[in-house]
Amino acid sequence: MSGGIPAIAAPPEIERRTVAKVSWRLLPLIVLIYFIAYMDRTNVGFASFGLNREFGFSATLYGWGAGIFFLGYVIFEIPSNVLLERNGARLWIARIMVTWGLVAGGMAFITGPVSFLAMRFLLGVAEAGFFPGMILYFTYWFPRRYRARVVAALFLAVPGSNALTAVISGALLQLDGVLGLHGWQWLFLLEAVPSILLAFVVLALMTDRPAKAAWLTPEERAWLEETLEAEHQSTVRTHGHFTLKRALTDLRVLALASIYFCIGTATYGITFFLPPILKSLKLTDWETGLATAVPYVIGTVGMIAWSWSSDRRDERRWHFIIAALIAMLGLIAAGPMLGSLWALTAMSVAAIGLYGTKPAFWAMPGEFLSGPAAAGGIALINAIANLGGFVGPYVVGWLKDATGSYEAGLYFLAACALGSGAITFLAVRPVAAAADPGIAADDPAAAATERVRPETV
């Protein structure tokens, strides 16, 4: 195990049984919640067909609206995650779900560009803190050697949600005219309902910490708490005690944030513009939904394989870099193929790379952050990354209006994927290179030259 963390003396069956119980209790619910969250933030890609007809939105305005969600998210993300750490995940996640459900449903009543931008911004405010809250929550329940697989399970919701959202949204758009509502209005209204209903499931099933888990035996609780505490103490010995303030200014946190900003820009640029790109093939709304689902299904399979390999080899750096390069190659290949179904093949390759980066990346911050520092540090990483969620759609939309084609936008997203791999190569050092894992704990001069090291960061 990385980082020199002492093993807790316990029979192997206790570990297997405990991790299995925690996984079956928490992961299905968390994945389902994130599935619904991702549906509500990305269904605007399919609603854009009707919105553009109804209000005459340009690609630039649509890109601005798709991306402004992330500005609201970024502003409130760190405070939200700190409040989750302070108040407990159960109540805070339920609160997030109710507010984002109400705003997501309210999208059905927009009347033009101003209300479109305002509601997308408010949706980001409402959902702020959910994803980093889940990454933080995993550090309360899963030892480090399981986290890439756990993060991969969470990220199953992303391509999975995109795939199912494509199919469901294509079907809901066929309700155009029912009860006097447009298809895009039905899409927003009906896809908002599950998040509100699931908030009550969260209150019933989610447990804040292992100490409160009555569904674990005393022996299982003891093993889990002792293992997590041993990892925490090892982190403090290796990296010093991280305060929230230090986590928000640490160069390692900022390096990880820069990496994820680049890959996030590429990911969200595709997420919001894949439906319009495929719609240009003269497909119906239903056919566009089915075609859009293909890259996400393939990306899901690739992500699972990538996470398994990363955990099996206890390696993050090269898994991220290679996945980023695959994403770059897929996006570059898609450019000259636009207008044909071959572009769908290239996009599927890009999806394998884009989603393959996620599990390896999110296993890194928990290696040196815990408690309030983890709450703030993970939220800062995700906040900066979510600026990429604004930049990607906006730039792709602007380039589409400027050039008349999505090709330049795809090359821009490919450059972002390459940039994330390059920063990882330069700023993340392999484990073998770290002779002194405690460097920079209290030495500002050393901290200025330290590079992130995934396994012990």
Protein backbone atom coordinates (compact mmCIF):
# COMPACT_ATOMS: atom_id res chain seq x y z
CA MET A 1 0.00 0.00 0.00
CA SER A 2 1.27 3.47 -0.86
CA GLY A 3 2.47 6.10 1.52
CA GLY A 4 3.88 3.71 4.14
CA ILE A 5 0.51 3.30 5.88
CA PRO A 6 0.58 0.50 8.41
CA ALA A 7 -1.78 -2.38 7.78
CA ILE A 8 -4.44 -2.94 10.43
CA ALA A 9 -4.11 -6.43 11.91
CA ALA A 10 -7.42 -8.08 11.10
CA PRO A 11 -8.52 -11.23 9.31
CA PRO A 12 -8.92 -10.63 5.56
CA GLU A 13 -12.59 -11.66 5.71
CA ILE A 14 -13.37 -8.69 7.98
CA GLU A 15 -11.95 -6.27 5.44
CA ARG A 16 -13.77 -7.91 2.55
CA ARG A 17 -17.04 -8.06 4.44
CA THR A 18 -16.83 -4.48 5.68
CA VAL A 19 -15.92 -2.94 2.34
CA ALA A 20 -18.64 -4.98 0.64
CA LYS A 21 -21.27 -3.82 3.13
CA VAL A 22 -20.25 -0.18 2.82
CA SER A 23 -20.18 -0.43 -0.96
CA TRP A 24 -23.63 -2.00 -1.30
CA ARG A 25 -25.13 0.37 1.25
CA LEU A 26 -23.78 3.64 -0.12
CA LEU A 27 -22.60 3.34 -3.72
CA PRO A 28 -25.88 2.49 -5.50
CA LEU A 29 -27.60 5.47 -3.87
CA ILE A 30 -24.72 7.87 -4.53
CA VAL A 31 -24.36 6.77 -8.14
CA LEU A 32 -28.11 7.19 -8.67
CA ILE A 33 -28.05 10.68 -7.16
CA TYR A 34 -25.14 11.76 -9.34
CA PHE A 35 -26.88 10.20 -12.33
CA ILE A 36 -29.90 12.46 -11.75
CA ALA A 37 -27.70 15.49 -11.06
CA TYR A 38 -25.82 15.04 -14.30
CA MET A 39 -29.08 14.60 -16.20
CA ASP A 40 -30.40 17.90 -14.86
CA ARG A 41 -27.23 19.81 -15.68
CA THR A 42 -26.73 18.43 -19.21
CA ASN A 43 -30.25 17.93 -20.58
CA VAL A 44 -30.04 21.48 -21.92
CA GLY A 45 -28.08 19.97 -24.83
CA PHE A 46 -31.28 18.30 -26.03
CA ALA A 47 -33.56 21.12 -24.98
CA SER A 48 -31.43 23.33 -27.21
CA PHE A 49 -33.20 21.95 -30.28
CA GLY A 50 -36.48 23.51 -29.12
CA LEU A 51 -34.91 26.52 -27.42
CA ASN A 52 -33.09 27.51 -30.57
CA ARG A 53 -36.31 27.23 -32.59
CA GLU A 54 -38.35 29.08 -29.94
CA PHE A 55 -35.98 31.93 -29.10
CA GLY A 56 -33.42 31.91 -31.93
CA PHE A 57 -30.39 31.33 -29.68
CA SER A 58 -27.04 31.48 -31.46
CA ALA A 59 -24.38 28.83 -30.77
CA THR A 60 -22.49 31.44 -28.73
CA LEU A 61 -25.51 32.27 -26.55
CA TYR A 62 -26.30 28.60 -26.07
CA GLY A 63 -22.66 27.92 -25.13
CA TRP A 64 -22.76 30.83 -22.70
CA GLY A 65 -25.92 29.45 -21.09
CA ALA A 66 -24.55 25.91 -20.93
CA GLY A 67 -21.38 27.14 -19.28
CA ILE A 68 -22.76 29.80 -16.91
CA PHE A 69 -24.03 26.92 -14.75
CA PHE A 70 -20.44 26.39 -13.69
CA LEU A 71 -19.89 30.01 -12.66
CA GLY A 72 -22.68 29.68 -10.10
CA TYR A 73 -21.28 26.31 -9.06
CA VAL A 74 -17.76 27.68 -8.61
CA ILE A 75 -18.78 30.65 -6.48
CA PHE A 76 -20.60 28.53 -3.90
CA GLU A 77 -18.69 25.26 -4.13
CA ILE A 78 -16.09 25.75 -1.39
CA PRO A 79 -18.56 27.15 1.20
CA SER A 80 -20.95 24.30 0.41
CA ASN A 81 -18.30 21.63 0.92
CA VAL A 82 -17.10 23.16 4.18
CA LEU A 83 -20.72 23.20 5.41
CA LEU A 84 -21.08 19.54 4.43
CA GLU A 85 -18.02 18.70 6.52
CA ARG A 86 -19.47 20.68 9.43
CA ASN A 87 -23.14 19.64 9.25
CA GLY A 88 -22.91 16.12 7.86
CA ALA A 89 -23.45 14.73 4.38
CA ARG A 90 -26.95 13.36 4.98
CA LEU A 91 -28.75 16.65 5.61
CA TRP A 92 -26.61 18.73 3.27
CA ILE A 93 -26.92 16.44 0.25
CA ALA A 94 -30.69 16.23 0.77
CA ARG A 95 -30.86 20.03 0.85
CA ILE A 96 -28.83 20.30 -2.36
CA MET A 97 -31.11 17.83 -4.13
CA VAL A 98 -34.33 19.65 -3.28
CA THR A 99 -33.02 23.05 -4.37
CA TRP A 100 -31.49 21.82 -7.63
CA GLY A 101 -34.69 19.90 -8.45
CA LEU A 102 -36.83 23.00 -8.01
CA VAL A 103 -34.54 25.13 -10.17
CA ALA A 104 -34.16 22.41 -12.82
CA GLY A 105 -37.95 22.22 -13.12
CA GLY A 106 -38.11 26.01 -13.26
CA MET A 107 -36.10 25.90 -16.49
CA ALA A 108 -39.39 24.98 -18.18
CA PHE A 109 -40.64 28.54 -17.69
CA ILE A 110 -37.84 30.56 -19.25
CA THR A 111 -39.00 33.23 -21.69
CA GLY A 112 -35.84 34.28 -23.49
CA PRO A 113 -32.07 34.78 -23.26
CA VAL A 114 -32.04 36.65 -19.92
CA SER A 115 -34.17 34.12 -18.03
CA PHE A 116 -32.25 31.27 -19.70
CA LEU A 117 -28.91 32.60 -18.45
CA ALA A 118 -30.32 33.43 -15.00
CA MET A 119 -31.84 29.98 -14.45
CA ARG A 120 -28.73 28.17 -15.63
CA PHE A 121 -26.66 30.25 -13.20
CA LEU A 122 -29.08 29.48 -10.34
CA LEU A 123 -28.97 25.77 -11.17
CA GLY A 124 -25.21 25.89 -10.63
CA VAL A 125 -25.70 27.68 -7.30
CA ALA A 126 -28.25 25.08 -6.20
CA GLU A 127 -26.06 22.08 -7.09
CA ALA A 128 -22.81 23.60 -5.80
CA GLY A 129 -20.86 21.26 -3.57
CA PHE A 130 -22.51 17.99 -4.56
CA PHE A 131 -19.68 16.34 -6.49
CA PRO A 132 -16.79 17.43 -4.22
CA GLY A 133 -19.01 16.52 -1.30
CA MET A 134 -19.22 12.97 -2.61
CA ILE A 135 -15.45 12.77 -3.14
CA LEU A 136 -15.00 13.99 0.45
CA TYR A 137 -17.63 11.53 1.68
CA PHE A 138 -15.69 8.64 0.17
CA THR A 139 -12.69 9.56 2.33
CA TYR A 140 -14.91 8.96 5.39
CA TRP A 141 -15.78 5.41 4.34
CA PHE A 142 -13.19 3.85 2.02
CA PRO A 143 -9.48 3.14 2.66
CA ARG A 144 -7.17 4.59 0.02
CA ARG A 145 -6.54 1.38 -1.87
CA TYR A 146 -10.22 1.26 -2.87
CA ARG A 147 -10.76 4.86 -3.92
CA ALA A 148 -10.02 4.72 -7.64
CA ARG A 149 -12.59 1.97 -8.03
CA VAL A 150 -15.06 3.83 -5.85
CA VAL A 151 -14.59 7.03 -7.85
CA ALA A 152 -15.04 5.00 -11.02
CA ALA A 153 -18.33 3.71 -9.62
CA LEU A 154 -19.42 7.31 -9.03
CA PHE A 155 -18.35 8.29 -12.52
CA LEU A 156 -20.44 5.49 -13.98
CA ALA A 157 -23.21 8.03 -13.51
CA VAL A 158 -21.57 10.46 -15.93
CA PRO A 159 -21.39 8.54 -19.22
CA GLY A 160 -24.32 6.42 -18.05
CA SER A 161 -26.42 9.50 -17.41
CA ASN A 162 -25.38 11.06 -20.69
CA ALA A 163 -26.36 7.89 -22.54
CA LEU A 164 -29.75 7.48 -20.84
CA THR A 165 -30.44 11.22 -20.89
CA ALA A 166 -29.92 11.10 -24.64
CA VAL A 167 -32.52 8.38 -25.05
CA ILE A 168 -35.03 9.77 -22.52
CA SER A 169 -34.69 13.35 -23.71
CA GLY A 170 -35.18 12.32 -27.31
CA ALA A 171 -38.42 10.61 -26.26
CA LEU A 172 -39.66 13.51 -24.08
CA LEU A 173 -39.18 15.95 -26.93
CA GLN A 174 -41.90 13.98 -28.73
CA LEU A 175 -44.41 15.32 -26.17
CA ASP A 176 -44.34 18.65 -27.99
CA GLY A 177 -47.82 20.18 -27.85
CA VAL A 178 -49.22 17.93 -25.08
CA LEU A 179 -51.26 20.09 -22.66
CA GLY A 180 -50.05 23.13 -24.54
CA LEU A 181 -46.40 22.67 -23.51
CA HIS A 182 -43.39 22.42 -25.76
CA GLY A 183 -41.29 19.26 -25.77
CA TRP A 184 -38.37 21.07 -24.14
CA GLN A 185 -40.66 22.18 -21.30
CA TRP A 186 -41.76 18.59 -20.63
CA LEU A 187 -38.09 17.58 -20.68
CA PHE A 188 -37.16 20.05 -17.92
CA LEU A 189 -40.24 19.36 -15.79
CA LEU A 190 -40.18 15.57 -15.82
CA GLU A 191 -36.41 15.17 -15.46
CA ALA A 192 -36.45 17.42 -12.35
CA VAL A 193 -38.87 15.25 -10.36
CA PRO A 194 -36.47 12.38 -9.40
CA SER A 195 -34.01 14.68 -7.61
CA ILE A 196 -36.69 15.96 -5.23
CA LEU A 197 -38.02 12.47 -4.51
CA LEU A 198 -34.52 11.06 -3.94
CA ALA A 199 -33.82 13.68 -1.26
CA PHE A 200 -36.12 11.76 1.07
CA VAL A 201 -34.33 8.50 0.25
CA VAL A 202 -31.04 10.18 1.21
CA LEU A 203 -32.48 11.19 4.58
CA ALA A 204 -33.55 7.60 5.19
CA LEU A 205 -30.47 5.70 4.00
CA MET A 206 -27.34 7.85 4.06
CA THR A 207 -25.11 7.65 7.16
CA ASP A 208 -22.69 10.46 7.99
CA ARG A 209 -19.77 8.50 9.48
CA PRO A 210 -18.80 4.87 10.26
CA ALA A 211 -19.30 5.50 13.98
CA LYS A 212 -23.03 5.99 13.29
CA ALA A 213 -23.39 2.91 11.06
CA ALA A 214 -25.67 0.62 13.04
CA TRP A 215 -25.77 -1.63 9.97
CA LEU A 216 -22.10 -2.58 10.57
CA THR A 217 -21.13 -4.97 13.33
CA PRO A 218 -18.95 -3.58 16.16
CA GLU A 219 -16.01 -5.57 14.77
CA GLU A 220 -16.53 -4.11 11.27
CA ARG A 221 -16.88 -0.56 12.58
CA ALA A 222 -13.72 -0.95 14.64
CA TRP A 223 -11.69 -2.20 11.66
CA LEU A 224 -12.92 0.59 9.39
CA GLU A 225 -12.41 3.40 11.90
CA GLU A 226 -8.96 2.15 12.90
CA THR A 227 -7.87 1.79 9.27
CA LEU A 228 -9.05 5.27 8.31
CA GLU A 229 -7.49 6.80 11.43
CA ALA A 230 -4.16 5.06 10.70
CA GLU A 231 -4.24 6.54 7.19
CA HIS A 232 -5.04 9.96 8.58
CA GLN A 233 -2.15 9.81 11.06
CA SER A 234 0.21 8.66 8.29
CA THR A 235 -0.90 11.61 6.17
CA VAL A 236 -0.20 14.04 9.01
CA ARG A 237 3.25 12.52 9.61
CA THR A 238 4.12 12.59 5.92
CA HIS A 239 2.75 15.96 4.90
CA GLY A 240 2.23 17.86 8.12
CA HIS A 241 -1.09 19.09 9.46
CA PHE A 242 -3.10 20.70 6.69
CA THR A 243 -5.39 23.54 7.70
CA LEU A 244 -8.16 24.70 5.41
CA LYS A 245 -6.18 27.87 4.64
CA ARG A 246 -3.08 25.92 3.74
CA ALA A 247 -5.00 23.50 1.55
CA LEU A 248 -6.45 26.39 -0.45
CA THR A 249 -2.99 27.81 -1.19
CA ASP A 250 -0.92 24.63 -1.49
CA LEU A 251 0.93 24.27 -4.80
CA ARG A 252 -0.01 20.61 -5.06
CA VAL A 253 -3.70 21.44 -4.80
CA LEU A 254 -3.31 24.18 -7.41
CA ALA A 255 -1.42 21.82 -9.73
CA LEU A 256 -4.21 19.25 -9.52
CA ALA A 257 -6.75 22.00 -10.11
CA SER A 258 -4.94 23.09 -13.27
CA ILE A 259 -4.86 19.51 -14.57
CA TYR A 260 -8.54 19.00 -13.98
CA PHE A 261 -9.42 22.39 -15.45
CA CYS A 262 -7.96 21.31 -18.78
CA ILE A 263 -9.59 17.89 -18.91
CA GLY A 264 -12.86 19.36 -17.61
CA THR A 265 -12.84 21.91 -20.44
CA ALA A 266 -12.51 19.11 -22.98
CA THR A 267 -15.14 16.93 -21.30
CA TYR A 268 -17.85 19.57 -20.97
CA GLY A 269 -17.17 20.98 -24.42
CA ILE A 270 -18.16 17.58 -25.82
CA THR A 271 -20.98 16.95 -23.35
CA PHE A 272 -22.95 20.05 -24.31
CA PHE A 273 -22.20 20.09 -28.04
CA LEU A 274 -22.30 16.42 -28.99
CA PRO A 275 -26.11 16.49 -29.50
CA PRO A 276 -26.00 19.58 -31.81
CA ILE A 277 -23.00 18.10 -33.67
CA LEU A 278 -24.86 14.86 -34.34
CA LYS A 279 -28.09 16.72 -35.09
CA SER A 280 -26.24 18.26 -38.06
CA LEU A 281 -26.28 14.78 -39.66
CA LYS A 282 -29.98 15.45 -40.37
CA LEU A 283 -31.09 12.94 -37.74
CA THR A 284 -34.44 13.17 -35.99
CA ASP A 285 -34.53 14.12 -32.29
CA TRP A 286 -35.02 10.43 -31.41
CA GLU A 287 -32.18 9.27 -33.67
CA THR A 288 -29.92 12.01 -32.30
CA GLY A 289 -30.60 10.75 -28.78
CA LEU A 290 -29.68 7.19 -29.70
CA ALA A 291 -26.54 8.25 -31.57
CA THR A 292 -25.42 10.48 -28.69
CA ALA A 293 -25.67 7.55 -26.29
CA VAL A 294 -23.09 5.49 -28.19
CA PRO A 295 -19.86 7.31 -27.13
CA TYR A 296 -20.97 7.35 -23.50
CA VAL A 297 -21.68 3.64 -23.39
CA ILE A 298 -18.25 2.92 -24.88
CA GLY A 299 -16.66 5.49 -22.54
CA THR A 300 -18.22 3.74 -19.54
CA VAL A 301 -16.60 0.42 -20.46
CA GLY A 302 -13.24 2.14 -20.96
CA MET A 303 -13.50 3.95 -17.62
CA ILE A 304 -14.19 0.75 -15.70
CA ALA A 305 -11.20 -0.98 -17.29
CA TRP A 306 -8.99 2.05 -16.63
CA SER A 307 -9.94 2.28 -12.94
CA TRP A 308 -9.37 -1.45 -12.41
CA SER A 309 -5.92 -1.16 -13.96
CA SER A 310 -5.06 1.93 -11.92
CA ASP A 311 -5.95 0.30 -8.60
CA ARG A 312 -4.38 -3.04 -9.52
CA ARG A 313 -1.07 -1.36 -10.33
CA ASP A 314 -1.45 1.27 -7.57
CA GLU A 315 -0.50 3.86 -10.21
CA ARG A 316 -2.22 7.12 -11.16
CA ARG A 317 0.16 9.34 -13.15
CA TRP A 318 0.60 7.33 -16.35
CA HIS A 319 -2.99 6.12 -16.32
CA PHE A 320 -4.09 9.75 -16.44
CA ILE A 321 -1.54 10.80 -19.08
CA ILE A 322 -2.33 7.94 -21.47
CA ALA A 323 -6.07 8.49 -21.11
CA ALA A 324 -5.63 12.20 -21.86
CA LEU A 325 -3.64 11.38 -25.00
CA ILE A 326 -6.35 8.97 -26.18
CA ALA A 327 -8.92 11.75 -25.70
CA MET A 328 -6.77 14.15 -27.71
CA LEU A 329 -6.38 11.71 -30.62
CA GLY A 330 -10.11 10.99 -30.72
CA LEU A 331 -11.02 14.68 -30.79
CA ILE A 332 -8.47 15.45 -33.51
CA ALA A 333 -9.70 12.55 -35.62
CA ALA A 334 -13.32 13.70 -35.27
CA GLY A 335 -12.60 17.13 -36.78
CA PRO A 336 -12.26 16.24 -40.49
CA MET A 337 -14.94 13.52 -40.13
CA LEU A 338 -17.74 15.90 -39.13
CA GLY A 339 -20.80 15.38 -41.27
CA SER A 340 -20.38 11.60 -41.33
CA LEU A 341 -21.01 8.79 -38.88
CA TRP A 342 -17.24 8.22 -38.74
CA ALA A 343 -17.17 11.22 -36.41
CA LEU A 344 -19.23 9.15 -33.96
CA THR A 345 -16.47 6.51 -33.94
CA ALA A 346 -13.81 9.13 -33.22
CA MET A 347 -15.97 10.66 -30.48
CA SER A 348 -16.28 7.22 -28.89
CA VAL A 349 -12.49 6.94 -28.76
CA ALA A 350 -12.34 10.40 -27.20
CA ALA A 351 -14.93 9.35 -24.60
CA ILE A 352 -12.76 6.40 -23.53
CA GLY A 353 -9.92 8.82 -22.84
CA LEU A 354 -11.97 11.59 -21.25
CA TYR A 355 -13.71 9.31 -18.77
CA GLY A 356 -10.63 7.16 -18.25
CA THR A 357 -8.87 10.15 -16.67
CA LYS A 358 -11.42 10.53 -13.86
CA PRO A 359 -10.75 7.58 -11.51
CA ALA A 360 -6.97 8.01 -11.60
CA PHE A 361 -7.26 11.73 -10.98
CA TRP A 362 -9.68 11.69 -8.05
CA ALA A 363 -7.63 9.09 -6.20
CA MET A 364 -4.89 11.74 -5.84
CA PRO A 365 -6.23 14.51 -3.52
CA GLY A 366 -7.23 12.15 -0.70
CA GLU A 367 -3.62 10.98 -0.46
CA PHE A 368 -2.57 14.14 1.36
CA LEU A 369 -5.77 15.92 2.41
CA SER A 370 -8.21 15.02 5.17
CA GLY A 371 -10.89 16.65 7.33
CA PRO A 372 -11.65 20.34 6.73
CA ALA A 373 -8.54 20.60 4.53
CA ALA A 374 -9.94 17.86 2.29
CA ALA A 375 -13.31 19.61 2.18
CA GLY A 376 -11.75 22.88 1.05
CA GLY A 377 -8.98 21.42 -1.10
CA ILE A 378 -11.21 19.04 -3.06
CA ALA A 379 -13.79 21.79 -3.51
CA LEU A 380 -11.09 24.18 -4.78
CA ILE A 381 -9.85 21.61 -7.30
CA ASN A 382 -13.35 20.98 -8.54
CA ALA A 383 -14.22 24.69 -8.52
CA ILE A 384 -11.29 25.61 -10.76
CA ALA A 385 -12.01 22.59 -12.92
CA ASN A 386 -15.61 23.69 -13.30
CA LEU A 387 -14.42 26.94 -14.81
CA GLY A 388 -13.50 24.61 -17.65
CA GLY A 389 -17.18 23.71 -17.77
CA PHE A 390 -17.80 27.34 -18.65
CA VAL A 391 -14.82 27.79 -20.97
CA GLY A 392 -15.36 24.62 -23.04
CA PRO A 393 -18.97 25.21 -24.15
CA TYR A 394 -18.46 28.96 -24.58
CA VAL A 395 -15.36 28.65 -26.79
CA VAL A 396 -16.85 25.83 -28.89
CA GLY A 397 -20.01 27.89 -29.44
CA TRP A 398 -18.02 30.99 -30.32
CA LEU A 399 -15.80 29.10 -32.76
CA LYS A 400 -18.88 27.54 -34.37
CA ASP A 401 -20.39 30.99 -35.00
CA ALA A 402 -17.03 32.39 -36.16
CA THR A 403 -16.12 29.56 -38.56
CA GLY A 404 -19.46 27.97 -39.40
CA SER A 405 -18.21 24.55 -38.28
CA TYR A 406 -17.54 22.62 -35.07
CA GLU A 407 -14.14 21.46 -36.36
CA ALA A 408 -12.08 24.28 -34.81
CA GLY A 409 -13.86 23.72 -31.51
CA LEU A 410 -12.87 20.06 -31.50
CA TYR A 411 -9.23 20.98 -32.08
CA PHE A 412 -9.43 23.42 -29.17
CA LEU A 413 -10.80 20.66 -26.92
CA ALA A 414 -8.04 18.31 -28.13
CA ALA A 415 -5.47 20.91 -27.12
CA CYS A 416 -7.03 21.07 -23.66
CA ALA A 417 -6.79 17.28 -23.28
CA LEU A 418 -3.15 17.42 -24.35
CA GLY A 419 -2.53 20.24 -21.88
CA SER A 420 -3.89 18.19 -18.98
CA GLY A 421 -1.55 15.32 -19.85
CA ALA A 422 1.42 17.66 -20.22
CA ILE A 423 0.82 19.31 -16.83
CA THR A 424 0.48 15.89 -15.23
CA PHE A 425 3.78 14.79 -16.78
CA LEU A 426 5.56 17.90 -15.50
CA ALA A 427 3.83 18.52 -12.16
CA VAL A 428 3.09 14.99 -10.97
CA ARG A 429 6.17 13.00 -10.16
CA PRO A 430 6.30 9.21 -10.08
CA VAL A 431 6.52 7.50 -6.70
CA ALA A 432 10.06 6.29 -7.26
CA ALA A 433 11.26 9.86 -7.58
CA ALA A 434 10.11 10.84 -4.11
CA ALA A 435 12.86 9.99 -1.70
CA ASP A 436 11.55 12.43 0.88
CA PRO A 437 7.77 12.31 1.06
CA GLY A 438 7.73 14.81 3.89
CA ILE A 439 9.27 17.62 1.88
CA ALA A 440 7.57 20.98 2.11
CA ALA A 441 5.56 20.16 5.19
CA ASP A 442 6.94 23.24 6.90
CA ASP A 443 9.47 24.56 4.40
CA PRO A 444 8.07 27.22 2.01
CA ALA A 445 11.19 27.13 -0.16
CA ALA A 446 10.89 23.40 -0.64
CA ALA A 447 7.16 23.71 -1.21
CA ALA A 448 7.79 26.07 -4.10
CA THR A 449 9.61 23.35 -6.03
CA GLU A 450 7.65 20.29 -4.90
CA ARG A 451 5.63 18.44 -7.49
CA VAL A 452 2.49 16.41 -6.80
CA ARG A 453 3.08 12.71 -6.30
CA PRO A 454 -0.16 10.73 -6.71
CA GLU A 455 0.44 7.81 -4.40
CA THR A 456 1.74 9.85 -1.48
CA VAL A 457 1.27 13.35 -2.95
